[in-house]
Amino acid sequence: METVEGHAPSDAILRSAWDYLSKKPRGVQTALAAIGPPLREPVLERLVERGDIHRGSRKVLGLFSATTLSDGGNGRRARLLGGVREVLVDGAPPRARVAALAALLSGSGTLPQFHREIPWTSPVITRAKELEQGNWGAGAAAEAVTRTMTATVVGSVVVAVTVLPRG
């Protein structure tokens, strides 16, 4: 991965990743491992501030407090998953952003968790794998996420995109 010289993003969160990558080109796995964990908290904070995610707490085993993340109820999750469903289930031509999201959800192994919205069928699996391998900028990232399999990196990618419903 490398940056496009002279095109630094104005967004502070994206800028920190750009600054890291602008020093020298790096492999996707290296970049994800370095960029993902420090971005988790700022991305979550932004999503909470925007109302995309609701942060709460609950007791675990009646002793320990745990933070919970749930859908913020503003429709963003439904719109994002609706776009992925259109591509994977209905066969709609993917826009780059939706193709990348579908490929990352598939490559990270989290796509089956969305079974209520996106049925986990052979055609869906095939289409998701096609997007992983396609020229959508997500193939290498999906492969790196799969190889790395760290909860922090996978959690950052998935939570940054959408929140799983609690059922």
N, C-alpha and C. Protein backbone atom coordinates (compact mmCIF):
# COMPACT_ATOMS: atom_id res chain seq x y z
N MET A 1 0.85 -1.17 0.00
CA MET A 1 0.00 0.00 0.00
C MET A 1 0.90 1.23 0.00
N GLU A 2 0.43 2.23 -0.75
CA GLU A 2 1.15 3.48 -0.75
C GLU A 2 0.17 4.61 -1.00
N THR A 3 0.60 5.83 -0.71
CA THR A 3 -0.27 6.99 -0.86
C THR A 3 -0.05 7.63 -2.22
N VAL A 4 -1.00 8.47 -2.58
CA VAL A 4 -0.86 9.28 -3.79
C VAL A 4 -0.27 10.60 -3.34
N GLU A 5 0.93 10.90 -3.80
CA GLU A 5 1.64 12.09 -3.36
C GLU A 5 0.82 13.35 -3.65
N GLY A 6 0.78 14.23 -2.64
CA GLY A 6 0.09 15.50 -2.80
C GLY A 6 -1.41 15.41 -2.61
N HIS A 7 -1.94 14.28 -2.21
CA HIS A 7 -3.39 14.12 -2.03
C HIS A 7 -3.71 13.67 -0.60
N ALA A 8 -3.13 14.33 0.36
CA ALA A 8 -3.38 13.98 1.76
C ALA A 8 -4.83 14.29 2.12
N PRO A 9 -5.49 13.39 2.82
CA PRO A 9 -6.88 13.65 3.23
C PRO A 9 -6.94 14.72 4.31
N SER A 10 -8.02 15.49 4.31
CA SER A 10 -8.17 16.53 5.34
C SER A 10 -8.70 15.94 6.64
N ASP A 11 -9.34 14.79 6.59
CA ASP A 11 -9.87 14.13 7.78
C ASP A 11 -8.71 13.66 8.66
N ALA A 12 -8.77 13.99 9.94
CA ALA A 12 -7.67 13.66 10.86
C ALA A 12 -7.45 12.15 11.00
N ILE A 13 -8.53 11.39 11.04
CA ILE A 13 -8.39 9.94 11.19
C ILE A 13 -7.73 9.34 9.95
N LEU A 14 -8.20 9.72 8.79
CA LEU A 14 -7.60 9.21 7.55
C LEU A 14 -6.18 9.74 7.39
N ARG A 15 -5.95 10.96 7.84
CA ARG A 15 -4.63 11.57 7.69
C ARG A 15 -3.56 10.79 8.45
N SER A 16 -3.89 10.27 9.62
CA SER A 16 -2.88 9.51 10.38
C SER A 16 -2.46 8.26 9.61
N ALA A 17 -3.39 7.60 8.97
CA ALA A 17 -3.05 6.43 8.16
C ALA A 17 -2.25 6.85 6.93
N TRP A 18 -2.63 7.95 6.31
CA TRP A 18 -1.92 8.47 5.14
C TRP A 18 -0.48 8.81 5.51
N ASP A 19 -0.30 9.47 6.66
CA ASP A 19 1.05 9.84 7.10
C ASP A 19 1.93 8.60 7.27
N TYR A 20 1.37 7.56 7.86
CA TYR A 20 2.12 6.32 8.05
C TYR A 20 2.53 5.71 6.71
N LEU A 21 1.58 5.65 5.79
CA LEU A 21 1.84 5.03 4.50
C LEU A 21 2.70 5.89 3.58
N SER A 22 2.69 7.21 3.79
CA SER A 22 3.45 8.08 2.89
C SER A 22 4.95 7.99 3.11
N LYS A 23 5.37 7.45 4.24
CA LYS A 23 6.81 7.33 4.51
C LYS A 23 7.47 6.33 3.57
N LYS A 24 6.77 5.23 3.29
CA LYS A 24 7.25 4.23 2.33
C LYS A 24 6.14 3.23 2.06
N PRO A 25 6.13 2.63 0.88
CA PRO A 25 5.10 1.62 0.59
C PRO A 25 5.23 0.45 1.56
N ARG A 26 4.07 -0.11 1.94
CA ARG A 26 4.05 -1.24 2.88
C ARG A 26 3.03 -2.26 2.39
N GLY A 27 3.23 -3.50 2.81
CA GLY A 27 2.27 -4.55 2.49
C GLY A 27 0.97 -4.30 3.24
N VAL A 28 -0.11 -4.86 2.70
CA VAL A 28 -1.43 -4.66 3.30
C VAL A 28 -1.46 -5.18 4.73
N GLN A 29 -0.91 -6.37 4.97
CA GLN A 29 -0.94 -6.94 6.32
C GLN A 29 -0.18 -6.05 7.30
N THR A 30 0.97 -5.56 6.90
CA THR A 30 1.76 -4.66 7.76
C THR A 30 0.98 -3.39 8.04
N ALA A 31 0.38 -2.83 7.00
CA ALA A 31 -0.38 -1.58 7.16
C ALA A 31 -1.57 -1.78 8.09
N LEU A 32 -2.34 -2.86 7.89
CA LEU A 32 -3.49 -3.10 8.76
C LEU A 32 -3.09 -3.29 10.21
N ALA A 33 -2.02 -4.04 10.43
CA ALA A 33 -1.58 -4.30 11.80
C ALA A 33 -1.12 -3.01 12.48
N ALA A 34 -0.50 -2.11 11.72
CA ALA A 34 0.00 -0.86 12.30
C ALA A 34 -1.10 0.19 12.45
N ILE A 35 -1.97 0.28 11.47
CA ILE A 35 -2.97 1.34 11.44
C ILE A 35 -4.23 0.97 12.21
N GLY A 36 -4.65 -0.28 12.14
CA GLY A 36 -5.93 -0.70 12.72
C GLY A 36 -6.10 -0.44 14.20
N PRO A 37 -5.22 -0.98 15.06
CA PRO A 37 -5.44 -0.82 16.50
C PRO A 37 -5.50 0.63 16.99
N PRO A 38 -4.62 1.53 16.55
CA PRO A 38 -4.72 2.91 17.03
C PRO A 38 -5.98 3.64 16.54
N LEU A 39 -6.55 3.19 15.43
CA LEU A 39 -7.73 3.86 14.90
C LEU A 39 -9.03 3.38 15.51
N ARG A 40 -9.02 2.25 16.20
CA ARG A 40 -10.26 1.68 16.73
C ARG A 40 -11.03 2.69 17.58
N GLU A 41 -10.41 3.26 18.57
CA GLU A 41 -11.12 4.16 19.49
C GLU A 41 -11.57 5.45 18.80
N PRO A 42 -10.73 6.13 18.02
CA PRO A 42 -11.23 7.34 17.35
C PRO A 42 -12.37 7.06 16.37
N VAL A 43 -12.30 5.94 15.66
CA VAL A 43 -13.39 5.59 14.74
C VAL A 43 -14.67 5.30 15.52
N LEU A 44 -14.56 4.53 16.60
CA LEU A 44 -15.75 4.26 17.42
C LEU A 44 -16.36 5.55 17.97
N GLU A 45 -15.50 6.44 18.46
CA GLU A 45 -15.99 7.72 19.00
C GLU A 45 -16.75 8.50 17.93
N ARG A 46 -16.21 8.54 16.73
CA ARG A 46 -16.88 9.27 15.64
C ARG A 46 -18.22 8.63 15.31
N LEU A 47 -18.27 7.30 15.27
CA LEU A 47 -19.52 6.61 14.96
C LEU A 47 -20.56 6.83 16.06
N VAL A 48 -20.12 6.89 17.32
CA VAL A 48 -21.04 7.17 18.43
C VAL A 48 -21.55 8.61 18.31
N GLU A 49 -20.64 9.56 18.05
CA GLU A 49 -21.03 10.97 17.91
C GLU A 49 -22.03 11.17 16.78
N ARG A 50 -21.86 10.46 15.68
CA ARG A 50 -22.76 10.58 14.53
C ARG A 50 -24.09 9.88 14.76
N GLY A 51 -24.16 9.04 15.78
CA GLY A 51 -25.38 8.29 16.04
C GLY A 51 -25.48 6.98 15.29
N ASP A 52 -24.38 6.55 14.66
CA ASP A 52 -24.37 5.28 13.95
C ASP A 52 -24.31 4.11 14.91
N ILE A 53 -23.69 4.33 16.07
CA ILE A 53 -23.52 3.29 17.08
C ILE A 53 -23.95 3.86 18.43
N HIS A 54 -24.58 3.01 19.22
CA HIS A 54 -24.90 3.37 20.61
C HIS A 54 -23.98 2.58 21.51
N ARG A 55 -23.34 3.27 22.42
CA ARG A 55 -22.45 2.63 23.38
C ARG A 55 -23.17 2.53 24.71
N GLY A 56 -23.17 1.33 25.28
CA GLY A 56 -23.80 1.10 26.58
C GLY A 56 -22.91 0.24 27.44
N SER A 57 -23.46 -0.24 28.52
CA SER A 57 -22.70 -1.14 29.39
C SER A 57 -23.63 -2.19 29.97
N ARG A 58 -23.05 -3.29 30.38
CA ARG A 58 -23.80 -4.37 31.02
C ARG A 58 -22.85 -5.10 31.95
N LYS A 59 -23.43 -5.89 32.81
CA LYS A 59 -22.64 -6.69 33.75
C LYS A 59 -22.41 -8.08 33.16
N VAL A 60 -21.21 -8.58 33.31
CA VAL A 60 -20.86 -9.93 32.89
C VAL A 60 -20.62 -10.74 34.15
N LEU A 61 -21.29 -11.86 34.24
CA LEU A 61 -21.22 -12.72 35.42
C LEU A 61 -21.62 -11.98 36.70
N GLY A 62 -22.37 -10.90 36.53
CA GLY A 62 -22.83 -10.13 37.67
C GLY A 62 -21.75 -9.35 38.38
N LEU A 63 -20.52 -9.39 37.88
CA LEU A 63 -19.39 -8.75 38.56
C LEU A 63 -18.69 -7.67 37.74
N PHE A 64 -18.49 -7.96 36.48
CA PHE A 64 -17.65 -7.11 35.65
C PHE A 64 -18.49 -6.27 34.70
N SER A 65 -18.11 -5.02 34.54
CA SER A 65 -18.78 -4.15 33.57
C SER A 65 -18.15 -4.37 32.20
N ALA A 66 -18.99 -4.44 31.19
CA ALA A 66 -18.52 -4.59 29.82
C ALA A 66 -19.23 -3.55 28.95
N THR A 67 -18.48 -3.00 28.02
CA THR A 67 -19.05 -2.04 27.08
C THR A 67 -19.78 -2.80 25.98
N THR A 68 -20.95 -2.32 25.62
CA THR A 68 -21.70 -2.92 24.52
C THR A 68 -21.83 -1.90 23.40
N LEU A 69 -21.85 -2.39 22.19
CA LEU A 69 -22.06 -1.55 21.02
C LEU A 69 -23.28 -2.08 20.29
N SER A 70 -24.20 -1.19 19.94
CA SER A 70 -25.40 -1.61 19.23
C SER A 70 -25.72 -0.59 18.14
N ASP A 71 -26.60 -0.98 17.26
CA ASP A 71 -27.03 -0.12 16.16
C ASP A 71 -27.59 1.18 16.73
N GLY A 72 -27.19 2.28 16.15
CA GLY A 72 -27.64 3.59 16.62
C GLY A 72 -29.05 3.94 16.21
N GLY A 73 -29.65 3.15 15.31
CA GLY A 73 -31.04 3.37 14.93
C GLY A 73 -31.25 4.48 13.92
N ASN A 74 -30.19 4.96 13.27
CA ASN A 74 -30.36 6.04 12.30
C ASN A 74 -30.48 5.55 10.85
N GLY A 75 -30.48 4.24 10.65
CA GLY A 75 -30.66 3.68 9.33
C GLY A 75 -29.38 3.43 8.54
N ARG A 76 -28.25 3.88 9.03
CA ARG A 76 -27.00 3.71 8.30
C ARG A 76 -26.65 2.23 8.12
N ARG A 77 -26.77 1.44 9.17
CA ARG A 77 -26.46 0.02 9.08
C ARG A 77 -27.35 -0.64 8.03
N ALA A 78 -28.63 -0.34 8.06
CA ALA A 78 -29.57 -0.92 7.11
C ALA A 78 -29.21 -0.54 5.67
N ARG A 79 -28.83 0.71 5.45
CA ARG A 79 -28.44 1.14 4.10
C ARG A 79 -27.18 0.43 3.63
N LEU A 80 -26.18 0.31 4.50
CA LEU A 80 -24.94 -0.36 4.11
C LEU A 80 -25.19 -1.84 3.80
N LEU A 81 -25.89 -2.52 4.69
CA LEU A 81 -26.17 -3.93 4.44
C LEU A 81 -27.12 -4.13 3.27
N GLY A 82 -28.02 -3.18 3.05
CA GLY A 82 -28.90 -3.24 1.89
C GLY A 82 -28.11 -3.22 0.60
N GLY A 83 -27.09 -2.36 0.55
CA GLY A 83 -26.23 -2.30 -0.63
C GLY A 83 -25.46 -3.60 -0.84
N VAL A 84 -24.95 -4.17 0.23
CA VAL A 84 -24.23 -5.44 0.13
C VAL A 84 -25.18 -6.55 -0.30
N ARG A 85 -26.39 -6.54 0.24
CA ARG A 85 -27.39 -7.55 -0.14
C ARG A 85 -27.74 -7.45 -1.62
N GLU A 86 -27.93 -6.22 -2.11
CA GLU A 86 -28.25 -6.04 -3.54
C GLU A 86 -27.19 -6.67 -4.43
N VAL A 87 -25.93 -6.52 -4.02
CA VAL A 87 -24.83 -7.06 -4.83
C VAL A 87 -24.72 -8.58 -4.67
N LEU A 88 -24.76 -9.07 -3.43
CA LEU A 88 -24.52 -10.49 -3.19
C LEU A 88 -25.73 -11.37 -3.46
N VAL A 89 -26.92 -10.90 -3.15
CA VAL A 89 -28.12 -11.72 -3.29
C VAL A 89 -28.84 -11.43 -4.61
N ASP A 90 -29.01 -10.15 -4.92
CA ASP A 90 -29.79 -9.77 -6.09
C ASP A 90 -28.96 -9.66 -7.36
N GLY A 91 -27.63 -9.70 -7.24
CA GLY A 91 -26.76 -9.65 -8.42
C GLY A 91 -26.57 -8.28 -9.02
N ALA A 92 -26.86 -7.22 -8.27
CA ALA A 92 -26.68 -5.86 -8.79
C ALA A 92 -25.20 -5.60 -9.04
N PRO A 93 -24.89 -4.78 -10.05
CA PRO A 93 -23.48 -4.42 -10.27
C PRO A 93 -22.98 -3.61 -9.06
N PRO A 94 -21.82 -3.97 -8.53
CA PRO A 94 -21.35 -3.29 -7.32
C PRO A 94 -20.66 -1.96 -7.60
N ARG A 95 -20.93 -0.99 -6.74
CA ARG A 95 -20.11 0.22 -6.69
C ARG A 95 -18.85 -0.16 -5.92
N ALA A 96 -17.77 0.55 -6.14
CA ALA A 96 -16.48 0.18 -5.54
C ALA A 96 -16.58 0.07 -4.02
N ARG A 97 -17.26 1.01 -3.38
CA ARG A 97 -17.35 1.01 -1.91
C ARG A 97 -18.09 -0.22 -1.39
N VAL A 98 -19.18 -0.57 -2.05
CA VAL A 98 -19.98 -1.73 -1.63
C VAL A 98 -19.21 -3.02 -1.91
N ALA A 99 -18.53 -3.08 -3.05
CA ALA A 99 -17.72 -4.26 -3.37
C ALA A 99 -16.62 -4.45 -2.34
N ALA A 100 -15.97 -3.36 -1.95
CA ALA A 100 -14.91 -3.45 -0.94
C ALA A 100 -15.47 -3.88 0.40
N LEU A 101 -16.63 -3.35 0.78
CA LEU A 101 -17.26 -3.74 2.04
C LEU A 101 -17.62 -5.23 2.03
N ALA A 102 -18.23 -5.70 0.95
CA ALA A 102 -18.60 -7.12 0.85
C ALA A 102 -17.36 -8.00 0.91
N ALA A 103 -16.30 -7.59 0.21
CA ALA A 103 -15.06 -8.37 0.20
C ALA A 103 -14.42 -8.41 1.59
N LEU A 104 -14.43 -7.30 2.30
CA LEU A 104 -13.85 -7.27 3.65
C LEU A 104 -14.68 -8.09 4.63
N LEU A 105 -16.00 -8.00 4.54
CA LEU A 105 -16.84 -8.81 5.42
C LEU A 105 -16.62 -10.29 5.16
N SER A 106 -16.50 -10.65 3.89
CA SER A 106 -16.25 -12.05 3.53
C SER A 106 -14.85 -12.48 3.95
N GLY A 107 -13.86 -11.69 3.61
CA GLY A 107 -12.47 -12.04 3.90
C GLY A 107 -12.17 -12.11 5.38
N SER A 108 -12.88 -11.32 6.17
CA SER A 108 -12.65 -11.34 7.62
C SER A 108 -13.38 -12.49 8.29
N GLY A 109 -14.24 -13.18 7.53
CA GLY A 109 -14.99 -14.30 8.10
C GLY A 109 -16.25 -13.88 8.83
N THR A 110 -16.65 -12.62 8.74
CA THR A 110 -17.81 -12.15 9.50
C THR A 110 -19.10 -12.14 8.69
N LEU A 111 -19.05 -12.36 7.40
CA LEU A 111 -20.26 -12.31 6.58
C LEU A 111 -21.35 -13.28 7.07
N PRO A 112 -21.02 -14.51 7.51
CA PRO A 112 -22.09 -15.40 8.01
C PRO A 112 -22.87 -14.82 9.19
N GLN A 113 -22.28 -13.90 9.94
CA GLN A 113 -22.97 -13.31 11.08
C GLN A 113 -24.13 -12.40 10.66
N PHE A 114 -24.19 -12.06 9.37
CA PHE A 114 -25.24 -11.20 8.85
C PHE A 114 -26.34 -12.01 8.17
N HIS A 115 -26.46 -13.29 8.53
CA HIS A 115 -27.38 -14.21 7.86
C HIS A 115 -28.82 -13.69 7.82
N ARG A 116 -29.26 -12.99 8.85
CA ARG A 116 -30.64 -12.47 8.85
C ARG A 116 -30.88 -11.53 7.68
N GLU A 117 -29.90 -10.69 7.37
CA GLU A 117 -30.05 -9.72 6.29
C GLU A 117 -29.54 -10.25 4.95
N ILE A 118 -28.51 -11.09 4.98
CA ILE A 118 -27.88 -11.62 3.78
C ILE A 118 -27.79 -13.12 3.94
N PRO A 119 -28.75 -13.86 3.36
CA PRO A 119 -28.75 -15.32 3.54
C PRO A 119 -27.41 -15.94 3.15
N TRP A 120 -26.93 -16.82 3.96
CA TRP A 120 -25.63 -17.48 3.76
C TRP A 120 -25.85 -18.69 2.86
N THR A 121 -25.84 -18.45 1.55
CA THR A 121 -26.10 -19.50 0.56
C THR A 121 -24.88 -19.67 -0.34
N SER A 122 -24.87 -20.76 -1.08
CA SER A 122 -23.75 -21.00 -2.01
C SER A 122 -23.56 -19.87 -3.01
N PRO A 123 -24.63 -19.35 -3.65
CA PRO A 123 -24.42 -18.23 -4.57
C PRO A 123 -23.85 -16.98 -3.90
N VAL A 124 -24.29 -16.71 -2.66
CA VAL A 124 -23.77 -15.55 -1.93
C VAL A 124 -22.28 -15.75 -1.62
N ILE A 125 -21.92 -16.93 -1.18
CA ILE A 125 -20.51 -17.23 -0.88
C ILE A 125 -19.67 -17.07 -2.14
N THR A 126 -20.15 -17.60 -3.25
CA THR A 126 -19.42 -17.51 -4.51
C THR A 126 -19.23 -16.06 -4.92
N ARG A 127 -20.29 -15.28 -4.87
CA ARG A 127 -20.21 -13.86 -5.27
C ARG A 127 -19.27 -13.10 -4.34
N ALA A 128 -19.34 -13.35 -3.05
CA ALA A 128 -18.46 -12.66 -2.10
C ALA A 128 -17.00 -13.00 -2.39
N LYS A 129 -16.71 -14.27 -2.67
CA LYS A 129 -15.34 -14.68 -2.98
C LYS A 129 -14.88 -14.05 -4.29
N GLU A 130 -15.77 -13.90 -5.27
CA GLU A 130 -15.42 -13.23 -6.52
C GLU A 130 -15.01 -11.78 -6.25
N LEU A 131 -15.74 -11.12 -5.37
CA LEU A 131 -15.41 -9.73 -5.03
C LEU A 131 -14.09 -9.65 -4.28
N GLU A 132 -13.80 -10.64 -3.43
CA GLU A 132 -12.52 -10.67 -2.74
C GLU A 132 -11.36 -10.73 -3.73
N GLN A 133 -11.54 -11.52 -4.78
CA GLN A 133 -10.47 -11.72 -5.77
C GLN A 133 -10.47 -10.65 -6.85
N GLY A 134 -11.54 -9.86 -6.93
CA GLY A 134 -11.68 -8.88 -8.00
C GLY A 134 -10.79 -7.67 -7.81
N ASN A 135 -10.85 -6.79 -8.78
CA ASN A 135 -10.04 -5.58 -8.77
C ASN A 135 -10.82 -4.45 -8.10
N TRP A 136 -11.14 -4.63 -6.83
CA TRP A 136 -11.90 -3.63 -6.09
C TRP A 136 -11.08 -3.01 -4.97
N GLY A 137 -9.80 -3.32 -4.91
CA GLY A 137 -8.97 -2.76 -3.87
C GLY A 137 -9.16 -3.44 -2.53
N ALA A 138 -9.95 -4.50 -2.47
CA ALA A 138 -10.21 -5.16 -1.20
C ALA A 138 -9.64 -6.56 -1.17
N GLY A 139 -9.25 -7.11 -2.31
CA GLY A 139 -8.76 -8.49 -2.35
C GLY A 139 -7.56 -8.70 -1.45
N ALA A 140 -6.56 -7.86 -1.58
CA ALA A 140 -5.37 -8.00 -0.75
C ALA A 140 -5.69 -7.73 0.71
N ALA A 141 -6.55 -6.76 0.96
CA ALA A 141 -6.92 -6.46 2.34
C ALA A 141 -7.67 -7.63 2.97
N ALA A 142 -8.58 -8.21 2.23
CA ALA A 142 -9.33 -9.35 2.75
C ALA A 142 -8.40 -10.52 3.05
N GLU A 143 -7.44 -10.76 2.16
CA GLU A 143 -6.48 -11.83 2.40
C GLU A 143 -5.65 -11.55 3.65
N ALA A 144 -5.22 -10.32 3.81
CA ALA A 144 -4.42 -9.97 4.97
C ALA A 144 -5.22 -10.10 6.26
N VAL A 145 -6.48 -9.67 6.22
CA VAL A 145 -7.32 -9.79 7.41
C VAL A 145 -7.50 -11.26 7.78
N THR A 146 -7.72 -12.09 6.76
CA THR A 146 -7.89 -13.52 7.02
C THR A 146 -6.63 -14.10 7.64
N ARG A 147 -5.46 -13.76 7.08
CA ARG A 147 -4.20 -14.30 7.61
C ARG A 147 -3.94 -13.79 9.01
N THR A 148 -4.13 -12.54 9.23
CA THR A 148 -3.81 -11.94 10.52
C THR A 148 -4.72 -12.45 11.63
N MET A 149 -6.04 -12.44 11.36
CA MET A 149 -7.05 -12.94 12.28
C MET A 149 -6.88 -12.41 13.71
N THR A 150 -6.52 -11.15 13.82
CA THR A 150 -6.45 -10.59 15.16
C THR A 150 -7.77 -9.90 15.48
N ALA A 151 -8.25 -10.08 16.67
CA ALA A 151 -9.54 -9.50 17.04
C ALA A 151 -9.51 -7.98 16.91
N THR A 152 -8.41 -7.36 17.22
CA THR A 152 -8.34 -5.91 17.16
C THR A 152 -8.51 -5.41 15.75
N VAL A 153 -7.76 -5.97 14.80
CA VAL A 153 -7.83 -5.49 13.43
C VAL A 153 -9.19 -5.83 12.82
N VAL A 154 -9.62 -7.07 12.95
CA VAL A 154 -10.91 -7.47 12.38
C VAL A 154 -12.02 -6.66 13.03
N GLY A 155 -11.97 -6.55 14.35
CA GLY A 155 -12.98 -5.76 15.05
C GLY A 155 -13.02 -4.33 14.58
N SER A 156 -11.87 -3.72 14.37
CA SER A 156 -11.82 -2.34 13.90
C SER A 156 -12.45 -2.19 12.53
N VAL A 157 -12.14 -3.09 11.63
CA VAL A 157 -12.69 -3.01 10.28
C VAL A 157 -14.19 -3.19 10.30
N VAL A 158 -14.65 -4.22 10.98
CA VAL A 158 -16.08 -4.53 10.98
C VAL A 158 -16.88 -3.47 11.74
N VAL A 159 -16.43 -3.09 12.93
CA VAL A 159 -17.16 -2.11 13.71
C VAL A 159 -17.17 -0.76 13.02
N ALA A 160 -16.11 -0.43 12.32
CA ALA A 160 -16.07 0.84 11.62
C ALA A 160 -17.11 0.89 10.52
N VAL A 161 -17.47 -0.23 10.00
CA VAL A 161 -18.42 -0.28 8.90
C VAL A 161 -19.85 -0.43 9.38
N THR A 162 -20.06 -1.33 10.32
CA THR A 162 -21.42 -1.62 10.77
C THR A 162 -21.39 -2.30 12.12
N VAL A 163 -22.48 -2.32 12.80
CA VAL A 163 -22.59 -2.96 14.12
C VAL A 163 -23.55 -4.12 13.99
N LEU A 164 -23.15 -5.26 14.50
CA LEU A 164 -24.02 -6.44 14.48
C LEU A 164 -25.17 -6.24 15.45
N PRO A 165 -26.36 -6.71 15.07
CA PRO A 165 -27.47 -6.59 16.01
C PRO A 165 -27.27 -7.55 17.18
N ARG A 166 -27.74 -7.14 18.31
CA ARG A 166 -27.70 -8.03 19.49
C ARG A 166 -29.05 -8.72 19.55
N GLY A 167 -29.03 -10.06 19.56
CA GLY A 167 -30.33 -10.74 19.54
C GLY A 167 -30.44 -11.69 20.58
